[in-house]
Amino acid sequence: MHLVFASDHAAIPLKEELMAFAVEHGHTTLDTPGQDYPLAAQAACKFVTSGECDGAVLLCGSGVGISMAANKVRGIRAVCCSEPYSAEMSRRHNDSNALCMGARVVGSEMAKYIFAAWLNAEFEGGRHAPRVALIEG
């Protein structure tokens, strides 16, 4: 996958760790400069909605603010996760295309587990597709 990464000031170290983790696992990355989380989310999400990137990894202190900002971008289905199960299911059932986490909530090792669960899951389609279409409006 080609992934775009963005964070606010609170999550720059975690962003750098996760980018290295992605590269180690065969993915390519695009970094956006650290800035206020609403601007970081908007900048990164444009790469996903344009098709330039397959997904986004968005980080702030709690993960909540950046996920709220990301979900304002049409075509983005962002999930804020602090454990792997929700990350996996967000891909399988909701076709999430942006993973959000809080650098002050999860440590770097847990963030890697969450990220791996999200990366390795695929959208199941089927009965879930009409629900995702309802989200898209």
C-alpha atoms as a PDB file:
ATOM      1  CA  MET A   1       0.000   0.000   0.000  1.00  0.00           C
ATOM      2  CA  HIS A   2       0.988   3.600  -0.514  1.00  0.00           C
ATOM      3  CA  LEU A   3       0.156   5.396   2.749  1.00  0.00           C
ATOM      4  CA  VAL A   4       0.102   9.034   3.721  1.00  0.00           C
ATOM      5  CA  PHE A   5       1.007   9.981   7.291  1.00  0.00           C
ATOM      6  CA  ALA A   6       0.097  13.130   9.179  1.00  0.00           C
ATOM      7  CA  SER A   7       0.290  14.299  12.758  1.00  0.00           C
ATOM      8  CA  ASP A   8       0.168  17.293  14.996  1.00  0.00           C
ATOM      9  CA  HIS A   9       3.128  18.264  17.183  1.00  0.00           C
ATOM     10  CA  ALA A  10       2.185  15.777  19.916  1.00  0.00           C
ATOM     11  CA  ALA A  11       2.532  12.758  17.675  1.00  0.00           C
ATOM     12  CA  ILE A  12       5.564  13.413  15.461  1.00  0.00           C
ATOM     13  CA  PRO A  13       7.750  10.748  17.148  1.00  0.00           C
ATOM     14  CA  LEU A  14       5.003   8.105  16.821  1.00  0.00           C
ATOM     15  CA  LYS A  15       4.431   9.094  13.195  1.00  0.00           C
ATOM     16  CA  GLU A  16       8.118   8.560  12.437  1.00  0.00           C
ATOM     17  CA  GLU A  17       8.082   5.132  14.136  1.00  0.00           C
ATOM     18  CA  LEU A  18       4.994   4.009  12.245  1.00  0.00           C
ATOM     19  CA  MET A  19       6.370   5.230   8.934  1.00  0.00           C
ATOM     20  CA  ALA A  20       9.520   3.154   9.508  1.00  0.00           C
ATOM     21  CA  PHE A  21       7.337   0.172  10.479  1.00  0.00           C
ATOM     22  CA  ALA A  22       5.342   0.546   7.252  1.00  0.00           C
ATOM     23  CA  VAL A  23       8.493   0.646   5.120  1.00  0.00           C
ATOM     24  CA  GLU A  24       9.897  -2.420   6.935  1.00  0.00           C
ATOM     25  CA  HIS A  25       6.731  -4.269   5.929  1.00  0.00           C
ATOM     26  CA  GLY A  26       6.937  -3.345   2.248  1.00  0.00           C
ATOM     27  CA  HIS A  27       4.706  -0.295   2.094  1.00  0.00           C
ATOM     28  CA  THR A  28       5.569   3.089   0.659  1.00  0.00           C
ATOM     29  CA  THR A  29       4.941   6.260   2.617  1.00  0.00           C
ATOM     30  CA  LEU A  30       4.287   9.924   2.105  1.00  0.00           C
ATOM     31  CA  ASP A  31       4.875  12.334   4.971  1.00  0.00           C
ATOM     32  CA  THR A  32       2.960  15.545   5.448  1.00  0.00           C
ATOM     33  CA  PRO A  33       4.451  18.255   7.658  1.00  0.00           C
ATOM     34  CA  GLY A  34       3.354  18.434  11.296  1.00  0.00           C
ATOM     35  CA  GLN A  35       0.771  21.116  11.967  1.00  0.00           C
ATOM     36  CA  ASP A  36      -2.504  21.668  13.779  1.00  0.00           C
ATOM     37  CA  TYR A  37      -4.517  18.454  13.615  1.00  0.00           C
ATOM     38  CA  PRO A  38      -7.423  19.796  11.479  1.00  0.00           C
ATOM     39  CA  LEU A  39      -4.982  21.001   8.830  1.00  0.00           C
ATOM     40  CA  ALA A  40      -2.921  17.816   9.044  1.00  0.00           C
ATOM     41  CA  ALA A  41      -6.041  15.697   8.522  1.00  0.00           C
ATOM     42  CA  GLN A  42      -7.231  17.753   5.562  1.00  0.00           C
ATOM     43  CA  ALA A  43      -3.822  17.680   3.871  1.00  0.00           C
ATOM     44  CA  ALA A  44      -3.420  13.925   4.227  1.00  0.00           C
ATOM     45  CA  CYS A  45      -6.991  13.046   3.304  1.00  0.00           C
ATOM     46  CA  LYS A  46      -6.682  14.825  -0.040  1.00  0.00           C
ATOM     47  CA  PHE A  47      -4.084  12.224  -1.051  1.00  0.00           C
ATOM     48  CA  VAL A  48      -6.537   9.428  -0.248  1.00  0.00           C
ATOM     49  CA  THR A  49      -9.592  10.944  -1.915  1.00  0.00           C
ATOM     50  CA  SER A  50      -7.586  11.759  -5.058  1.00  0.00           C
ATOM     51  CA  GLY A  51      -6.383   8.153  -5.291  1.00  0.00           C
ATOM     52  CA  GLU A  52      -2.727   9.111  -4.871  1.00  0.00           C
ATOM     53  CA  CYS A  53      -2.570   7.095  -1.627  1.00  0.00           C
ATOM     54  CA  ASP A  54      -4.410   3.955  -0.553  1.00  0.00           C
ATOM     55  CA  GLY A  55      -4.935   5.061   3.024  1.00  0.00           C
ATOM     56  CA  ALA A  56      -3.960   7.497   5.734  1.00  0.00           C
ATOM     57  CA  VAL A  57      -2.457   7.145   9.186  1.00  0.00           C
ATOM     58  CA  LEU A  58      -3.397  10.178  11.241  1.00  0.00           C
ATOM     59  CA  LEU A  59      -2.060  10.915  14.702  1.00  0.00           C
ATOM     60  CA  CYS A  60      -2.613  13.502  17.399  1.00  0.00           C
ATOM     61  CA  GLY A  61      -2.506  13.497  21.181  1.00  0.00           C
ATOM     62  CA  SER A  62      -5.738  11.561  21.694  1.00  0.00           C
ATOM     63  CA  GLY A  63      -6.563  10.496  18.129  1.00  0.00           C
ATOM     64  CA  VAL A  64     -10.017  11.955  18.562  1.00  0.00           C
ATOM     65  CA  GLY A  65      -9.537  15.449  17.138  1.00  0.00           C
ATOM     66  CA  ILE A  66      -7.753  14.288  14.015  1.00  0.00           C
ATOM     67  CA  SER A  67     -10.371  11.598  13.395  1.00  0.00           C
ATOM     68  CA  MET A  68     -13.173  14.147  13.699  1.00  0.00           C
ATOM     69  CA  ALA A  69     -11.412  16.436  11.240  1.00  0.00           C
ATOM     70  CA  ALA A  70     -10.721  13.583   8.823  1.00  0.00           C
ATOM     71  CA  ASN A  71     -14.339  12.448   8.820  1.00  0.00           C
ATOM     72  CA  LYS A  72     -15.353  15.901   7.594  1.00  0.00           C
ATOM     73  CA  VAL A  73     -13.581  15.141   4.301  1.00  0.00           C
ATOM     74  CA  ARG A  74     -15.997  13.576   1.808  1.00  0.00           C
ATOM     75  CA  GLY A  75     -14.867  10.073   0.925  1.00  0.00           C
ATOM     76  CA  ILE A  76     -12.928   9.498   4.141  1.00  0.00           C
ATOM     77  CA  ARG A  77     -13.977   6.839   6.603  1.00  0.00           C
ATOM     78  CA  ALA A  78     -11.654   7.426   9.545  1.00  0.00           C
ATOM     79  CA  VAL A  79     -11.540   5.288  12.654  1.00  0.00           C
ATOM     80  CA  CYS A  80      -9.946   6.203  15.973  1.00  0.00           C
ATOM     81  CA  CYS A  81      -8.507   3.076  17.606  1.00  0.00           C
ATOM     82  CA  SER A  82      -6.697   2.212  20.796  1.00  0.00           C
ATOM     83  CA  GLU A  83      -6.748  -1.570  20.290  1.00  0.00           C
ATOM     84  CA  PRO A  84      -6.328  -3.896  17.265  1.00  0.00           C
ATOM     85  CA  TYR A  85      -9.793  -5.499  17.092  1.00  0.00           C
ATOM     86  CA  SER A  86     -11.581  -2.257  16.213  1.00  0.00           C
ATOM     87  CA  ALA A  87      -8.917  -1.421  13.643  1.00  0.00           C
ATOM     88  CA  GLU A  88      -9.371  -4.776  11.929  1.00  0.00           C
ATOM     89  CA  MET A  89     -13.161  -4.655  11.999  1.00  0.00           C
ATOM     90  CA  SER A  90     -13.209  -1.077  10.715  1.00  0.00           C
ATOM     91  CA  ARG A  91     -11.549  -2.340   7.550  1.00  0.00           C
ATOM     92  CA  ARG A  92     -13.552  -5.566   7.245  1.00  0.00           C
ATOM     93  CA  HIS A  93     -16.995  -4.060   7.840  1.00  0.00           C
ATOM     94  CA  ASN A  94     -16.656  -0.301   7.291  1.00  0.00           C
ATOM     95  CA  ASP A  95     -13.946  -0.102   4.624  1.00  0.00           C
ATOM     96  CA  SER A  96     -12.056   2.469   6.693  1.00  0.00           C
ATOM     97  CA  ASN A  97      -9.413   4.322   4.730  1.00  0.00           C
ATOM     98  CA  ALA A  98      -7.887   6.378   7.544  1.00  0.00           C
ATOM     99  CA  LEU A  99      -6.527   5.018  10.805  1.00  0.00           C
ATOM    100  CA  CYS A 100      -6.305   7.496  13.670  1.00  0.00           C
ATOM    101  CA  MET A 101      -4.517   6.995  16.969  1.00  0.00           C
ATOM    102  CA  GLY A 102      -3.506   9.030  19.957  1.00  0.00           C
ATOM    103  CA  ALA A 103       0.171   9.261  20.793  1.00  0.00           C
ATOM    104  CA  ARG A 104      -0.756  10.036  24.397  1.00  0.00           C
ATOM    105  CA  VAL A 105      -3.133   7.059  24.525  1.00  0.00           C
ATOM    106  CA  VAL A 106      -1.213   4.160  22.989  1.00  0.00           C
ATOM    107  CA  GLY A 107       2.474   3.370  23.217  1.00  0.00           C
ATOM    108  CA  SER A 108       4.511   2.728  20.108  1.00  0.00           C
ATOM    109  CA  GLU A 109       4.321  -1.077  20.391  1.00  0.00           C
ATOM    110  CA  MET A 110       0.535  -1.081  20.762  1.00  0.00           C
ATOM    111  CA  ALA A 111       0.320   1.400  17.885  1.00  0.00           C
ATOM    112  CA  LYS A 112       2.226  -1.088  15.712  1.00  0.00           C
ATOM    113  CA  TYR A 113      -0.211  -3.890  16.636  1.00  0.00           C
ATOM    114  CA  ILE A 114      -3.158  -1.658  15.809  1.00  0.00           C
ATOM    115  CA  PHE A 115      -1.572  -0.516  12.556  1.00  0.00           C
ATOM    116  CA  ALA A 116      -0.741  -4.090  11.514  1.00  0.00           C
ATOM    117  CA  ALA A 117      -4.297  -5.246  12.227  1.00  0.00           C
ATOM    118  CA  TRP A 118      -5.650  -2.397  10.086  1.00  0.00           C
ATOM    119  CA  LEU A 119      -3.170  -3.029   7.274  1.00  0.00           C
ATOM    120  CA  ASN A 120      -3.781  -6.771   7.117  1.00  0.00           C
ATOM    121  CA  ALA A 121      -7.573  -6.633   7.032  1.00  0.00           C
ATOM    122  CA  GLU A 122      -9.588  -6.302   3.844  1.00  0.00           C
ATOM    123  CA  PHE A 123     -13.113  -5.047   3.218  1.00  0.00           C
ATOM    124  CA  GLU A 124     -15.518  -7.984   3.106  1.00  0.00           C
ATOM    125  CA  GLY A 125     -18.116  -6.239   0.966  1.00  0.00           C
ATOM    126  CA  GLY A 126     -21.341  -8.250   0.776  1.00  0.00           C
ATOM    127  CA  ARG A 127     -23.864  -7.217   3.414  1.00  0.00           C
ATOM    128  CA  HIS A 128     -21.505  -4.451   4.540  1.00  0.00           C
ATOM    129  CA  ALA A 129     -21.352  -2.656   1.179  1.00  0.00           C
ATOM    130  CA  PRO A 130     -24.850  -1.104   1.362  1.00  0.00           C
ATOM    131  CA  ARG A 131     -24.062   0.255   4.836  1.00  0.00           C
ATOM    132  CA  VAL A 132     -20.836   1.836   3.645  1.00  0.00           C
ATOM    133  CA  ALA A 133     -22.799   3.372   0.774  1.00  0.00           C
ATOM    134  CA  LEU A 134     -25.162   4.899   3.346  1.00  0.00           C
ATOM    135  CA  ILE A 135     -22.185   6.469   5.112  1.00  0.00           C
ATOM    136  CA  GLU A 136     -21.056   7.973   1.824  1.00  0.00           C
ATOM    137  CA  GLY A 137     -24.522   9.449   1.278  1.00  0.00           C
END
